[in-house]
């Protein structure tokens, strides 16, 4: 039986995603959250014509020539504008961000005037309308500036605040339950007994879920017993996603598939054309999406990047593609690829010209966490790709 291509598998994982539930959070807590609705500016920015420089707001809208002079009749500071109106031959001392007084259309910077008591004279010419930020120059009330599905960061959260929002509507964070399986596993920090290893995969998967915007719910370690597995799976029925780790293969002790079948899973696929990560499973238990990851740590983390991260982002209603693909110059040759998409761990560098280079790690064994931690990208080798020579450009995904 042919293996399911990665693109088709991902399409099945992302099919029929419901619109996320909405909640309102303070703008000070909104960074990293995804907007549930378009945000329309409630204010105009700037709300008034403001000075862009320290100087003098002078009467009229025309240009200023050397020798022009004015009488200073007041001051306009940020938060304390000049309340009067300028007449011919008058000026107001003005500071950056302060309102431009009525009757003025030009600000002469302080370096371009000389002052004697209350009289100033231009020492350099100034263009008409210079050094003024006009009302609405940034945005106007009613402008739609941030679209639904946009993830807020430092810049966009600042914009939302300036638009007049003290609270913003965001998508509810999807809950991702993480279940490690196997008698050989012990929790991190627990000394392993004979034939045991540390259950490290949930730590990395929880980090990926959090980075993607979800809420990780660790379910601990289920032993290799059908009753224990079904009990833990039942605990995840209220989660948006259940991720099982290991135990989904065909060995006598690989019971995850049997437990999920006993619970009534609607299986979408099992086994995909990916290396590492061939024994990947996906299905649904009612409204809960179930992603069965391989137990090898590299396989688990790589497949989580390919499938779990996009799934969390889709459940948030986030728009755009998080995967940014680019190319780099290969530093050593690669042999022809087989029938599966191969995501090879690699490190980035620069050659003598400053061009981006990529070097595959010597071992691509899917159990080597130390090698994965040293990698900063994945080389993307499409199925049946021909051999690649050193110096060729090759597609990469940054980690």
Foldseek 3Di string as FASTA:
>chain_A
DDFAALVVVQCVLLPPQDQFDKDKDFLVPQAQFFASFFDFQQFWVPQFKWFQAFAKFAADQFKAAFFQKAFEDEEWEAVRGDPDADDPRHIYGYHGNTHRHHRGQDGDHHVQWDDDVRMIGGNHMGGGNPRIQGIRNPHHGGHRDGGGQDRHHPVVSVVSVVSPDRMGMGGDAFEEEEEEEEPQEDDPPDDGDPSHDYQPQLVLLQVLSVSLRHHYHYLYYFYLDLVSLLVSVVVCPPGQEYEYEALQDPDPSSCNVVSVVVLPWPWPDAAHQEPPWGGWTWTDNVNYIYIYTYNQRQRRNVVCVSHVSVSSSVNRVHDDDPWDKDKFFEAAKDAWAAQGWYWFFWAWDADPVRGIYIYGDPDRPSNDPVSNVRGQKTFTHHHRGHIGGGGDIGMITGD
